[in-house]
Amino acid sequence: MATARPRRLEYSESTRQALVDSAVELFTEHGYAGTSLEEIARLARVTKGALYHHFGGKQALFEAAFDAVETSVVSRLGGVLSDAGDQWEATRSGLSAFLEVCLEPSYQRIVVQDGPAVMGWERWRAAEESYTFGVVRAAVAGLIESGEIDPLPIDALARVVFGSLSAGATAIAASSTPKEARADIGACIERVLQGLRTR
């Protein structure tokens, strides 16, 4: 028999979620520098004291927003990669899905643009790797193990592909014509993968 969760715990979790959701919305719209904790608390309909109860400050709240965006991305990519049929088509679908994510304002602003400045480049890069490198490595390993591409060192090839995707995300976010940049980058990355294909 399931034990009922304490109402206080449920309220605490819903308050934290409201703060994170509000932070994602406001950081996306105004950027880290242009968003105040007061605005986040007001949008979440909580007191500033409640905000500080859950987060030590603005950077901690930004990192929670970053985590929320990245967790959603990894979940969606994992779903695409597992649902798309054979390994080659699954990887192509995953690549397309990631490049579509790169057009989303929250990913552009929070992960690509503000993330390195707010978290520091080393921490941001480590966080990026902890989220998306594993997905890229699994896709590359699947292509090699299924015989779709030439056998190369998996970690090295995964880093090359991951670096290309990361640079592509930056280029898309910085472009005045992001949809065109997304199409160009997608075509180039797929051409590179096609060059590695064994059949």
Protein backbone atom coordinates (compact mmCIF):
# COMPACT_ATOMS: atom_id res chain seq x y z
CA MET A 1 0.00 0.00 0.00
CA ALA A 2 1.43 3.40 -1.00
CA THR A 3 2.12 5.87 1.78
CA ALA A 4 0.56 9.31 1.36
CA ARG A 5 3.13 12.05 0.77
CA PRO A 6 3.15 14.86 3.34
CA ARG A 7 1.30 17.94 2.07
CA ARG A 8 4.23 20.15 3.09
CA LEU A 9 6.60 18.12 0.87
CA GLU A 10 4.22 18.36 -2.08
CA TYR A 11 3.87 22.12 -1.54
CA SER A 12 7.64 22.50 -1.32
CA GLU A 13 8.17 20.58 -4.56
CA SER A 14 5.46 22.52 -6.38
CA THR A 15 6.98 25.81 -5.16
CA ARG A 16 10.41 24.78 -6.41
CA GLN A 17 8.96 23.73 -9.77
CA ALA A 18 7.10 27.03 -10.11
CA LEU A 19 10.34 28.91 -9.46
CA VAL A 20 12.27 26.87 -12.02
CA ASP A 21 9.51 27.24 -14.64
CA SER A 22 9.39 30.99 -14.03
CA ALA A 23 13.17 31.23 -14.21
CA VAL A 24 13.24 29.39 -17.55
CA GLU A 25 10.60 31.74 -18.94
CA LEU A 26 12.25 34.96 -17.75
CA PHE A 27 15.86 33.96 -18.46
CA THR A 28 14.75 33.00 -21.97
CA GLU A 29 12.98 36.29 -22.54
CA HIS A 30 15.37 38.72 -20.82
CA GLY A 31 18.63 36.83 -20.32
CA TYR A 32 20.46 36.28 -17.05
CA ALA A 33 21.59 39.88 -16.64
CA GLY A 34 18.17 41.29 -17.46
CA THR A 35 16.22 39.14 -14.98
CA SER A 36 15.84 39.85 -11.25
CA LEU A 37 14.99 37.43 -8.48
CA GLU A 38 12.05 39.66 -7.59
CA GLU A 39 10.59 39.15 -11.07
CA ILE A 40 11.03 35.39 -10.83
CA ALA A 41 9.39 35.23 -7.40
CA ARG A 42 6.51 37.41 -8.62
CA LEU A 43 5.88 35.26 -11.70
CA ALA A 44 6.03 32.09 -9.57
CA ARG A 45 3.64 33.73 -7.07
CA VAL A 46 5.90 33.05 -4.10
CA THR A 47 7.78 35.26 -1.67
CA LYS A 48 11.44 36.09 -2.11
CA GLY A 49 12.00 34.24 1.17
CA ALA A 50 10.54 31.09 -0.38
CA LEU A 51 12.89 31.55 -3.33
CA TYR A 52 15.91 31.74 -1.03
CA HIS A 53 14.65 28.69 0.86
CA HIS A 54 15.07 26.64 -2.32
CA PHE A 55 17.96 28.43 -4.02
CA GLY A 56 20.98 30.17 -2.57
CA GLY A 57 20.88 32.92 -5.16
CA LYS A 58 20.46 33.86 -8.78
CA GLN A 59 23.21 31.61 -10.14
CA ALA A 60 21.81 28.54 -8.34
CA LEU A 61 18.41 29.28 -9.84
CA PHE A 62 19.96 29.73 -13.29
CA GLU A 63 21.68 26.35 -12.97
CA ALA A 64 18.35 24.76 -12.05
CA ALA A 65 16.81 26.35 -15.16
CA PHE A 66 19.74 25.09 -17.24
CA ASP A 67 19.21 21.60 -15.81
CA ALA A 68 15.49 21.72 -16.62
CA VAL A 69 16.12 22.70 -20.25
CA GLU A 70 18.87 20.11 -20.76
CA THR A 71 16.94 17.32 -19.04
CA SER A 72 13.99 17.95 -21.34
CA VAL A 73 16.26 17.90 -24.40
CA VAL A 74 17.96 14.63 -23.44
CA SER A 75 14.60 13.01 -22.72
CA ARG A 76 13.23 14.04 -26.12
CA LEU A 77 16.36 12.94 -27.98
CA GLY A 78 16.36 9.60 -26.19
CA GLY A 79 12.76 9.06 -27.28
CA VAL A 80 13.56 9.89 -30.91
CA LEU A 81 16.62 7.62 -30.98
CA SER A 82 14.71 4.67 -29.53
CA ASP A 83 11.62 5.07 -31.74
CA ALA A 84 13.07 5.63 -35.20
CA GLY A 85 13.62 2.09 -36.50
CA ASP A 86 17.03 1.02 -37.79
CA GLN A 87 20.23 2.50 -36.40
CA TRP A 88 21.05 4.73 -39.37
CA GLU A 89 17.57 6.27 -39.54
CA ALA A 90 17.46 6.60 -35.76
CA THR A 91 20.71 8.59 -35.82
CA ARG A 92 19.50 10.81 -38.68
CA SER A 93 16.27 11.46 -36.78
CA GLY A 94 18.21 12.23 -33.61
CA LEU A 95 20.46 14.66 -35.48
CA SER A 96 17.44 16.41 -36.97
CA ALA A 97 15.72 16.57 -33.57
CA PHE A 98 18.82 18.11 -31.93
CA LEU A 99 19.11 20.76 -34.63
CA GLU A 100 15.43 21.60 -34.15
CA VAL A 101 16.16 22.04 -30.42
CA CYS A 102 18.87 24.53 -31.41
CA LEU A 103 16.11 26.77 -32.82
CA GLU A 104 14.25 26.89 -29.49
CA PRO A 105 14.66 30.21 -27.63
CA SER A 106 15.15 28.62 -24.20
CA TYR A 107 17.96 26.37 -25.46
CA GLN A 108 19.60 29.19 -27.37
CA ARG A 109 19.51 31.71 -24.53
CA ILE A 110 20.00 29.58 -21.42
CA VAL A 111 22.24 26.76 -22.65
CA VAL A 112 24.19 28.23 -25.56
CA GLN A 113 24.43 31.97 -24.92
CA ASP A 114 24.24 32.59 -21.16
CA GLY A 115 25.43 29.21 -19.90
CA PRO A 116 29.19 29.67 -20.50
CA ALA A 117 29.20 33.20 -19.05
CA VAL A 118 27.11 32.45 -15.96
CA MET A 119 28.57 29.04 -15.07
CA GLY A 120 32.12 29.57 -16.34
CA TRP A 121 33.34 27.78 -19.44
CA GLU A 122 34.77 24.70 -17.70
CA ARG A 123 31.67 24.02 -15.58
CA TRP A 124 29.40 24.71 -18.53
CA ARG A 125 31.36 22.33 -20.79
CA ALA A 126 31.33 19.62 -18.12
CA ALA A 127 27.56 20.07 -17.71
CA GLU A 128 27.02 19.91 -21.47
CA GLU A 129 29.01 16.69 -21.64
CA SER A 130 27.10 15.17 -18.74
CA TYR A 131 23.83 15.72 -20.60
CA THR A 132 24.38 15.31 -24.33
CA PHE A 133 27.72 13.56 -24.80
CA GLY A 134 26.27 10.28 -23.55
CA VAL A 135 23.47 10.47 -26.12
CA VAL A 136 25.98 11.19 -28.91
CA ARG A 137 28.29 8.39 -27.78
CA ALA A 138 25.43 5.88 -27.69
CA ALA A 139 24.38 6.85 -31.22
CA VAL A 140 27.94 6.57 -32.55
CA ALA A 141 28.45 3.23 -30.80
CA GLY A 142 25.20 1.96 -32.31
CA LEU A 143 26.31 2.95 -35.81
CA ILE A 144 29.65 1.18 -35.42
CA GLU A 145 28.25 -1.94 -33.75
CA SER A 146 25.54 -2.31 -36.39
CA GLY A 147 28.13 -2.04 -39.16
CA GLU A 148 26.60 1.16 -40.55
CA ILE A 149 29.89 3.08 -40.39
CA ASP A 150 33.56 2.12 -40.48
CA PRO A 151 34.94 0.84 -37.17
CA LEU A 152 36.73 3.75 -35.50
CA PRO A 153 37.54 4.43 -31.83
CA ILE A 154 34.09 5.14 -30.38
CA ASP A 155 35.09 7.79 -27.83
CA ALA A 156 37.22 9.72 -30.33
CA LEU A 157 34.54 9.71 -33.02
CA ALA A 158 31.85 10.62 -30.48
CA ARG A 159 33.93 13.63 -29.41
CA VAL A 160 34.31 14.76 -33.02
CA VAL A 161 30.55 14.50 -33.60
CA PHE A 162 29.76 16.12 -30.23
CA GLY A 163 32.13 18.99 -31.01
CA SER A 164 30.46 19.50 -34.38
CA LEU A 165 27.00 19.59 -32.81
CA SER A 166 28.14 21.98 -30.09
CA ALA A 167 29.72 24.34 -32.61
CA GLY A 168 26.62 24.04 -34.77
CA ALA A 169 24.37 25.00 -31.85
CA THR A 170 26.51 28.10 -31.22
CA ALA A 171 26.38 29.08 -34.90
CA ILE A 172 22.61 28.65 -35.06
CA ALA A 173 22.06 30.73 -31.91
CA ALA A 174 24.31 33.52 -33.26
CA SER A 175 22.85 33.55 -36.78
CA SER A 176 20.53 36.24 -38.09
CA THR A 177 18.92 33.47 -40.17
CA PRO A 178 18.88 30.52 -37.74
CA LYS A 179 16.69 28.25 -39.88
CA GLU A 180 19.09 28.56 -42.79
CA ALA A 181 22.05 27.94 -40.49
CA ARG A 182 20.31 24.87 -39.09
CA ALA A 183 19.74 23.49 -42.61
CA ASP A 184 23.35 24.13 -43.67
CA ILE A 185 24.85 22.60 -40.53
CA GLY A 186 22.56 19.58 -40.72
CA ALA A 187 23.53 18.96 -44.35
CA CYS A 188 27.25 19.19 -43.53
CA ILE A 189 27.13 16.88 -40.52
CA GLU A 190 25.06 14.31 -42.42
CA ARG A 191 27.51 14.47 -45.36
CA VAL A 192 30.38 13.71 -42.96
CA LEU A 193 28.48 10.72 -41.53
CA GLN A 194 27.63 9.52 -45.04
CA GLY A 195 31.36 9.57 -45.83
CA LEU A 196 31.94 7.13 -42.96
CA ARG A 197 29.16 4.79 -44.03
CA THR A 198 30.13 1.30 -45.10
CA ARG A 199 27.05 0.69 -47.26
